[in-house]
PDB file of N, CA and C in Angstrom:
ATOM      1  N   MET A   1      20.644 -35.948   9.224  1.00  0.00           N
ATOM      2  CA  MET A   1      20.052 -36.650   9.867  1.00  0.00           C
ATOM      3  C   MET A   1      21.455 -38.179  10.178  1.00  0.00           C
ATOM      4  N   ILE A   2      21.813 -37.620   8.651  1.00  0.00           N
ATOM      5  CA  ILE A   2      22.789 -39.248   8.742  1.00  0.00           C
ATOM      6  C   ILE A   2      23.622 -38.473   9.689  1.00  0.00           C
ATOM      7  N   GLN A   3      24.426 -37.438   9.245  1.00  0.00           N
ATOM      8  CA  GLN A   3      25.604 -36.933  10.366  1.00  0.00           C
ATOM      9  C   GLN A   3      25.831 -37.421  11.511  1.00  0.00           C
ATOM     10  N   SER A   4      24.061 -37.265  11.951  1.00  0.00           N
ATOM     11  CA  SER A   4      23.435 -37.325  13.507  1.00  0.00           C
ATOM     12  C   SER A   4      23.622 -38.413  13.836  1.00  0.00           C
ATOM     13  N   ASN A   5      23.292 -39.752  12.759  1.00  0.00           N
ATOM     14  CA  ASN A   5      23.552 -41.132  12.792  1.00  0.00           C
ATOM     15  C   ASN A   5      24.913 -41.218  13.267  1.00  0.00           C
ATOM     16  N   LYS A   6      25.495 -40.780  12.474  1.00  0.00           N
ATOM     17  CA  LYS A   6      27.398 -41.555  12.178  1.00  0.00           C
ATOM     18  C   LYS A   6      27.747 -40.975  13.814  1.00  0.00           C
ATOM     19  N   LEU A   7      28.042 -39.722  13.915  1.00  0.00           N
ATOM     20  CA  LEU A   7      27.528 -39.414  15.250  1.00  0.00           C
ATOM     21  C   LEU A   7      27.263 -39.827  16.479  1.00  0.00           C
ATOM     22  N   GLY A   8      26.551 -40.667  16.561  1.00  0.00           N
ATOM     23  CA  GLY A   8      25.488 -41.015  17.544  1.00  0.00           C
ATOM     24  C   GLY A   8      24.773 -40.068  18.307  1.00  0.00           C
ATOM     25  N   ALA A   9      24.417 -38.624  17.345  1.00  0.00           N
ATOM     26  CA  ALA A   9      23.495 -38.027  18.495  1.00  0.00           C
ATOM     27  C   ALA A   9      22.097 -38.678  18.576  1.00  0.00           C
ATOM     28  N   SER A  10      21.394 -37.760  18.797  1.00  0.00           N
ATOM     29  CA  SER A  10      20.035 -38.564  18.991  1.00  0.00           C
ATOM     30  C   SER A  10      19.256 -37.715  17.382  1.00  0.00           C
ATOM     31  N   ILE A  11      18.461 -38.224  17.108  1.00  0.00           N
ATOM     32  CA  ILE A  11      17.963 -38.207  15.305  1.00  0.00           C
ATOM     33  C   ILE A  11      16.439 -36.922  15.809  1.00  0.00           C
ATOM     34  N   GLY A  12      16.178 -37.501  16.878  1.00  0.00           N
ATOM     35  CA  GLY A  12      14.775 -36.620  16.991  1.00  0.00           C
ATOM     36  C   GLY A  12      15.923 -34.782  17.449  1.00  0.00           C
ATOM     37  N   ASP A  13      16.573 -34.736  18.037  1.00  0.00           N
ATOM     38  CA  ASP A  13      16.872 -33.413  18.537  1.00  0.00           C
ATOM     39  C   ASP A  13      17.564 -32.648  17.194  1.00  0.00           C
ATOM     40  N   ALA A  14      18.232 -33.433  16.135  1.00  0.00           N
ATOM     41  CA  ALA A  14      18.675 -32.675  14.554  1.00  0.00           C
ATOM     42  C   ALA A  14      17.260 -32.326  14.199  1.00  0.00           C
ATOM     43  N   LEU A  15      16.387 -33.314  13.809  1.00  0.00           N
ATOM     44  CA  LEU A  15      15.231 -32.905  13.248  1.00  0.00           C
ATOM     45  C   LEU A  15      14.612 -31.783  14.096  1.00  0.00           C
ATOM     46  N   ARG A  16      14.242 -31.521  15.247  1.00  0.00           N
ATOM     47  CA  ARG A  16      14.029 -30.098  16.187  1.00  0.00           C
ATOM     48  C   ARG A  16      14.576 -29.078  15.895  1.00  0.00           C
ATOM     49  N   ASN A  17      16.109 -29.271  15.963  1.00  0.00           N
ATOM     50  CA  ASN A  17      16.936 -28.441  15.540  1.00  0.00           C
ATOM     51  C   ASN A  17      16.739 -27.863  13.891  1.00  0.00           C
ATOM     52  N   HIS A  18      16.385 -28.597  13.093  1.00  0.00           N
ATOM     53  CA  HIS A  18      16.366 -28.395  11.637  1.00  0.00           C
ATOM     54  C   HIS A  18      15.090 -27.331  11.564  1.00  0.00           C
ATOM     55  N   SER A  19      14.183 -28.379  12.136  1.00  0.00           N
ATOM     56  CA  SER A  19      12.258 -27.492  12.053  1.00  0.00           C
ATOM     57  C   SER A  19      12.456 -25.775  12.885  1.00  0.00           C
ATOM     58  N   GLU A  20      13.409 -26.154  13.749  1.00  0.00           N
ATOM     59  CA  GLU A  20      13.169 -24.209  14.286  1.00  0.00           C
ATOM     60  C   GLU A  20      14.221 -24.095  13.332  1.00  0.00           C
ATOM     61  N   PHE A  21      15.352 -24.121  12.715  1.00  0.00           N
ATOM     62  CA  PHE A  21      15.832 -23.254  11.797  1.00  0.00           C
ATOM     63  C   PHE A  21      15.189 -22.682  10.392  1.00  0.00           C
ATOM     64  N   ILE A  22      14.053 -24.075  10.015  1.00  0.00           N
ATOM     65  CA  ILE A  22      13.770 -24.069   9.306  1.00  0.00           C
ATOM     66  C   ILE A  22      12.769 -22.975   8.865  1.00  0.00           C
ATOM     67  N   ARG A  23      11.807 -22.514  10.160  1.00  0.00           N
ATOM     68  CA  ARG A  23      10.792 -21.462  10.775  1.00  0.00           C
ATOM     69  C   ARG A  23      11.350 -20.058  10.643  1.00  0.00           C
ATOM     70  N   THR A  24      12.671 -20.301  11.323  1.00  0.00           N
ATOM     71  CA  THR A  24      13.294 -19.193  11.515  1.00  0.00           C
ATOM     72  C   THR A  24      13.580 -18.213  10.514  1.00  0.00           C
ATOM     73  N   GLN A  25      13.798 -19.344   9.331  1.00  0.00           N
ATOM     74  CA  GLN A  25      14.018 -18.985   7.758  1.00  0.00           C
ATOM     75  C   GLN A  25      12.691 -17.938   7.439  1.00  0.00           C
ATOM     76  N   ARG A  26      11.595 -19.226   7.306  1.00  0.00           N
ATOM     77  CA  ARG A  26      10.404 -18.676   6.914  1.00  0.00           C
ATOM     78  C   ARG A  26      10.164 -17.175   7.525  1.00  0.00           C
ATOM     79  N   ILE A  27       9.950 -17.073   8.717  1.00  0.00           N
ATOM     80  CA  ILE A  27      10.023 -15.689   9.844  1.00  0.00           C
ATOM     81  C   ILE A  27      10.609 -14.647   8.826  1.00  0.00           C
ATOM     82  N   LEU A  28      12.002 -15.266   8.667  1.00  0.00           N
ATOM     83  CA  LEU A  28      12.809 -13.795   8.149  1.00  0.00           C
ATOM     84  C   LEU A  28      12.189 -13.254   6.657  1.00  0.00           C
ATOM     85  N   LEU A  29      11.827 -14.225   5.920  1.00  0.00           N
ATOM     86  CA  LEU A  29      11.709 -13.965   4.649  1.00  0.00           C
ATOM     87  C   LEU A  29       9.994 -13.674   4.383  1.00  0.00           C
ATOM     88  N   ALA A  30       9.667 -13.783   5.797  1.00  0.00           N
ATOM     89  CA  ALA A  30       7.903 -12.798   5.686  1.00  0.00           C
ATOM     90  C   ALA A  30       8.411 -11.814   6.245  1.00  0.00           C
ATOM     91  N   GLU A  31       8.959 -11.123   7.173  1.00  0.00           N
ATOM     92  CA  GLU A  31       9.275 -10.058   7.482  1.00  0.00           C
ATOM     93  C   GLU A  31      10.255  -9.482   6.319  1.00  0.00           C
ATOM     94  N   GLU A  32      10.785 -10.004   5.515  1.00  0.00           N
ATOM     95  CA  GLU A  32      11.675  -8.928   4.414  1.00  0.00           C
ATOM     96  C   GLU A  32      10.600  -8.875   3.586  1.00  0.00           C
ATOM     97  N   LYS A  33       9.514  -9.566   3.070  1.00  0.00           N
ATOM     98  CA  LYS A  33       8.968  -8.949   1.802  1.00  0.00           C
ATOM     99  C   LYS A  33       7.656  -8.286   2.930  1.00  0.00           C
ATOM    100  N   ALA A  34       7.725  -8.171   4.069  1.00  0.00           N
ATOM    101  CA  ALA A  34       6.680  -7.328   4.797  1.00  0.00           C
ATOM    102  C   ALA A  34       7.196  -5.728   5.005  1.00  0.00           C
ATOM    103  N   ALA A  35       8.303  -5.876   4.994  1.00  0.00           N
ATOM    104  CA  ALA A  35       9.485  -4.488   4.191  1.00  0.00           C
ATOM    105  C   ALA A  35       9.572  -4.013   3.305  1.00  0.00           C
ATOM    106  N   LYS A  36       9.209  -4.660   2.413  1.00  0.00           N
ATOM    107  CA  LYS A  36       9.071  -4.302   1.209  1.00  0.00           C
ATOM    108  C   LYS A  36       7.665  -4.219   0.650  1.00  0.00           C
ATOM    109  N   LEU A  37       7.341  -3.840   1.415  1.00  0.00           N
ATOM    110  CA  LEU A  37       5.602  -3.708   0.707  1.00  0.00           C
ATOM    111  C   LEU A  37       4.936  -2.647   0.476  1.00  0.00           C
ATOM    112  N   PRO A  38       5.467  -1.446   2.055  1.00  0.00           N
ATOM    113  CA  PRO A  38       5.123   0.093   1.499  1.00  0.00           C
ATOM    114  C   PRO A  38       5.782   0.543   0.452  1.00  0.00           C
ATOM    115  N   VAL A  39       6.918  -0.178  -0.324  1.00  0.00           N
ATOM    116  CA  VAL A  39       7.598   0.580  -1.508  1.00  0.00           C
ATOM    117  C   VAL A  39       7.003   0.203  -2.771  1.00  0.00           C
ATOM    118  N   LYS A  40       6.463  -1.072  -2.508  1.00  0.00           N
ATOM    119  CA  LYS A  40       5.713  -1.281  -3.789  1.00  0.00           C
ATOM    120  C   LYS A  40       4.175  -0.687  -4.006  1.00  0.00           C
ATOM    121  N   MET A  41       3.508  -0.625  -2.638  1.00  0.00           N
ATOM    122  CA  MET A  41       2.328   0.408  -2.479  1.00  0.00           C
ATOM    123  C   MET A  41       2.367   1.596  -3.355  1.00  0.00           C
ATOM    124  N   ILE A  42       3.494   2.270  -3.447  1.00  0.00           N
ATOM    125  CA  ILE A  42       3.152   3.882  -3.516  1.00  0.00           C
ATOM    126  C   ILE A  42       2.611   3.919  -4.634  1.00  0.00           C
ATOM    127  N   PHE A  43       3.252   3.162  -5.688  1.00  0.00           N
ATOM    128  CA  PHE A  43       2.752   3.432  -7.373  1.00  0.00           C
ATOM    129  C   PHE A  43       1.310   3.371  -7.302  1.00  0.00           C
ATOM    130  N   PRO A  44       0.702   2.310  -6.834  1.00  0.00           N
ATOM    131  CA  PRO A  44      -0.941   1.790  -7.348  1.00  0.00           C
ATOM    132  C   PRO A  44      -1.465   3.271  -6.395  1.00  0.00           C
ATOM    133  N   LEU A  45      -0.921   3.480  -5.086  1.00  0.00           N
ATOM    134  CA  LEU A  45      -1.802   4.270  -4.143  1.00  0.00           C
ATOM    135  C   LEU A  45      -1.623   5.688  -5.006  1.00  0.00           C
ATOM    136  N   ILE A  46      -0.541   6.329  -5.464  1.00  0.00           N
ATOM    137  CA  ILE A  46      -0.088   7.136  -6.539  1.00  0.00           C
ATOM    138  C   ILE A  46      -1.120   7.847  -7.695  1.00  0.00           C
ATOM    139  N   PHE A  47      -0.869   6.997  -8.249  1.00  0.00           N
ATOM    140  CA  PHE A  47      -2.084   6.694  -9.967  1.00  0.00           C
ATOM    141  C   PHE A  47      -3.407   5.910  -9.908  1.00  0.00           C
ATOM    142  N   CYS A  48      -4.099   5.277  -9.084  1.00  0.00           N
ATOM    143  CA  CYS A  48      -5.187   4.768  -9.038  1.00  0.00           C
ATOM    144  C   CYS A  48      -6.091   5.012  -7.804  1.00  0.00           C
ATOM    145  N   ILE A  49      -5.326   5.163  -6.556  1.00  0.00           N
ATOM    146  CA  ILE A  49      -6.246   5.585  -5.510  1.00  0.00           C
ATOM    147  C   ILE A  49      -6.243   7.159  -5.215  1.00  0.00           C
ATOM    148  N   MET A  50      -4.885   7.701  -5.330  1.00  0.00           N
ATOM    149  CA  MET A  50      -5.300   9.161  -4.642  1.00  0.00           C
ATOM    150  C   MET A  50      -6.085  10.082  -6.362  1.00  0.00           C
ATOM    151  N   PRO A  51      -5.772   9.694  -7.310  1.00  0.00           N
ATOM    152  CA  PRO A  51      -7.187  10.213  -7.777  1.00  0.00           C
ATOM    153  C   PRO A  51      -8.296  10.181  -8.343  1.00  0.00           C
ATOM    154  N   ALA A  52      -8.783   8.784  -7.464  1.00  0.00           N
ATOM    155  CA  ALA A  52     -10.369   8.553  -7.738  1.00  0.00           C
ATOM    156  C   ALA A  52     -10.268   9.216  -5.942  1.00  0.00           C
ATOM    157  N   ILE A  53      -9.908   9.442  -4.732  1.00  0.00           N
ATOM    158  CA  ILE A  53      -9.765  10.173  -3.800  1.00  0.00           C
ATOM    159  C   ILE A  53      -9.908  11.909  -3.918  1.00  0.00           C
ATOM    160  N   MET A  54      -9.114  12.339  -4.704  1.00  0.00           N
ATOM    161  CA  MET A  54      -9.406  13.384  -5.022  1.00  0.00           C
ATOM    162  C   MET A  54     -10.558  14.028  -5.725  1.00  0.00           C
ATOM    163  N   ILE A  55     -10.888  13.439  -6.632  1.00  0.00           N
ATOM    164  CA  ILE A  55     -12.395  13.175  -7.583  1.00  0.00           C
ATOM    165  C   ILE A  55     -13.571  13.642  -6.345  1.00  0.00           C
ATOM    166  N   VAL A  56     -13.331  12.389  -5.398  1.00  0.00           N
ATOM    167  CA  VAL A  56     -14.257  12.227  -4.826  1.00  0.00           C
ATOM    168  C   VAL A  56     -14.460  13.556  -3.935  1.00  0.00           C
ATOM    169  N   VAL A  57     -13.208  14.201  -3.317  1.00  0.00           N
ATOM    170  CA  VAL A  57     -13.020  15.348  -2.133  1.00  0.00           C
ATOM    171  C   VAL A  57     -13.249  16.634  -2.518  1.00  0.00           C
ATOM    172  N   ALA A  58     -12.808  16.614  -3.971  1.00  0.00           N
ATOM    173  CA  ALA A  58     -12.554  17.990  -4.551  1.00  0.00           C
ATOM    174  C   ALA A  58     -13.609  18.367  -5.855  1.00  0.00           C
ATOM    175  N   GLY A  59     -14.177  17.274  -5.984  1.00  0.00           N
ATOM    176  CA  GLY A  59     -14.716  17.139  -7.218  1.00  0.00           C
ATOM    177  C   GLY A  59     -16.528  18.130  -6.798  1.00  0.00           C
ATOM    178  N   PRO A  60     -17.238  18.084  -6.005  1.00  0.00           N
ATOM    179  CA  PRO A  60     -17.958  19.048  -5.359  1.00  0.00           C
ATOM    180  C   PRO A  60     -17.621  20.651  -5.450  1.00  0.00           C
ATOM    181  N   GLY A  61     -16.712  20.870  -4.926  1.00  0.00           N
ATOM    182  CA  GLY A  61     -16.210  22.116  -4.666  1.00  0.00           C
ATOM    183  C   GLY A  61     -15.851  22.919  -6.262  1.00  0.00           C
ATOM    184  N   ILE A  62     -15.210  22.079  -6.968  1.00  0.00           N
ATOM    185  CA  ILE A  62     -14.570  22.443  -8.486  1.00  0.00           C
ATOM    186  C   ILE A  62     -16.217  22.556  -9.500  1.00  0.00           C
ATOM    187  N   ILE A  63     -16.750  21.267  -9.286  1.00  0.00           N
ATOM    188  CA  ILE A  63     -18.250  21.903  -9.556  1.00  0.00           C
ATOM    189  C   ILE A  63     -18.580  23.057  -9.342  1.00  0.00           C
ATOM    190  N   HIS A  64     -18.853  23.736  -8.219  1.00  0.00           N
ATOM    191  CA  HIS A  64     -19.438  24.841  -7.464  1.00  0.00           C
ATOM    192  C   HIS A  64     -18.961  25.949  -8.215  1.00  0.00           C
ATOM    193  N   LEU A  65     -17.403  25.888  -8.075  1.00  0.00           N
ATOM    194  CA  LEU A  65     -16.138  26.676  -8.559  1.00  0.00           C
ATOM    195  C   LEU A  65     -16.920  27.156 -10.170  1.00  0.00           C
ATOM    196  N   ILE A  66     -16.755  26.081 -11.011  1.00  0.00           N
ATOM    197  CA  ILE A  66     -17.182  26.222 -12.236  1.00  0.00           C
ATOM    198  C   ILE A  66     -18.270  26.822 -12.581  1.00  0.00           C
ATOM    199  N   GLY A  67     -19.499  26.638 -12.061  1.00  0.00           N
ATOM    200  CA  GLY A  67     -20.621  27.352 -12.086  1.00  0.00           C
ATOM    201  C   GLY A  67     -20.995  28.699 -11.651  1.00  0.00           C
ATOM    202  N   PHE A  68     -20.180  29.123 -10.968  1.00  0.00           N
ATOM    203  CA  PHE A  68     -20.027  30.186 -10.242  1.00  0.00           C
ATOM    204  C   PHE A  68     -19.365  31.016 -10.957  1.00  0.00           C
ATOM    205  N   PHE A  69     -18.243  30.750 -11.546  1.00  0.00           N
ATOM    206  CA  PHE A  69     -17.329  31.628 -12.790  1.00  0.00           C
ATOM    207  C   PHE A  69     -18.319  31.813 -13.961  1.00  0.00           C
ATOM    208  N   LEU A  70     -18.847  30.818 -14.084  1.00  0.00           N
ATOM    209  CA  LEU A  70     -19.639  30.799 -15.368  1.00  0.00           C
ATOM    210  C   LEU A  70     -20.721  31.671 -15.433  1.00  0.00           C
ATOM    211  N   LYS A  71     -21.639  31.836 -13.681  1.00  0.00           N
ATOM    212  CA  LYS A  71     -22.570  32.884 -13.577  1.00  0.00           C
ATOM    213  C   LYS A  71     -21.770  34.459 -13.870  1.00  0.00           C
ATOM    214  N   ALA A  72     -20.620  34.316 -13.052  1.00  0.00           N
ATOM    215  CA  ALA A  72     -20.083  35.631 -13.391  1.00  0.00           C
ATOM    216  C   ALA A  72     -19.567  35.867 -14.708  1.00  0.00           C
ATOM    217  N   GLY A  73     -18.956  35.028 -15.355  1.00  0.00           N
ATOM    218  CA  GLY A  73     -19.054  35.379 -16.945  1.00  0.00           C
ATOM    219  C   GLY A  73     -19.611  35.750 -17.779  1.00  0.00           C
ATOM    220  N   SER A  74     -21.192  35.515 -17.258  1.00  0.00           N
ATOM    221  CA  SER A  74     -22.128  35.647 -18.310  1.00  0.00           C
ATOM    222  C   SER A  74     -22.710  37.347 -18.124  1.00  0.00           C
ATOM    223  N   GLY A  75     -22.257  37.490 -16.867  1.00  0.00           N
ATOM    224  CA  GLY A  75     -22.539  38.842 -16.690  1.00  0.00           C
ATOM    225  C   GLY A  75     -23.812  39.021 -15.571  1.00  0.00           C
ATOM    226  N   GLY A  76     -23.995  37.435 -15.347  1.00  0.00           N
ATOM    227  CA  GLY A  76     -25.177  37.500 -14.113  1.00  0.00           C
ATOM    228  C   GLY A  76     -24.898  38.146 -12.835  1.00  0.00           C
ATOM    229  N   MET A  77     -24.023  38.700 -12.285  1.00  0.00           N
ATOM    230  CA  MET A  77     -23.419  39.125 -10.772  1.00  0.00           C
ATOM    231  C   MET A  77     -23.109  40.291 -11.070  1.00  0.00           C
ATOM    232  N   PHE A  78     -22.116  40.760 -12.091  1.00  0.00           N
ATOM    233  CA  PHE A  78     -21.719  41.738 -12.643  1.00  0.00           C
ATOM    234  C   PHE A  78     -22.279  42.869 -13.364  1.00  0.00           C
ATOM    235  N   GLN A  79     -23.520  42.674 -13.569  1.00  0.00           N
ATOM    236  CA  GLN A  79     -24.288  43.650 -14.133  1.00  0.00           C
ATOM    237  C   GLN A  79     -24.270  45.447 -13.768  1.00  0.00           C
ATOM    238  N   VAL A  80     -23.730  46.150 -14.728  1.00  0.00           N
ATOM    239  CA  VAL A  80     -23.632  47.352 -14.341  1.00  0.00           C
ATOM    240  C   VAL A  80     -24.908  47.939 -15.280  1.00  0.00           C
ATOM    241  N   GLY A  81     -25.715  48.700 -14.481  1.00  0.00           N
ATOM    242  CA  GLY A  81     -27.104  49.743 -15.352  1.00  0.00           C
ATOM    243  C   GLY A  81     -28.014  48.578 -15.579  1.00  0.00           C
ATOM    244  N   ARG A  82     -28.662  47.469 -14.839  1.00  0.00           N
ATOM    245  CA  ARG A  82     -29.233  46.540 -14.986  1.00  0.00           C
ATOM    246  C   ARG A  82     -30.099  46.277 -13.950  1.00  0.00           C
TER     247      ARG A  82
END
């Protein structure tokens, strides 16, 4: 503003240019943070969310298989001579 005042330029134009520059800097910073977000989300996704999803999705099938093999192992399905 001091330079604009010394050169005789409009202070309003200088403020408009400065505010546009600040807005552009804020937008670029936000875009940079948004670009880094997927990389930062990989570790919580793998270690926190994926195990819970796998338990919910595969859990009933695993329980069913364990029950099946326990019956088979105790001679329930493959008894010969009874």
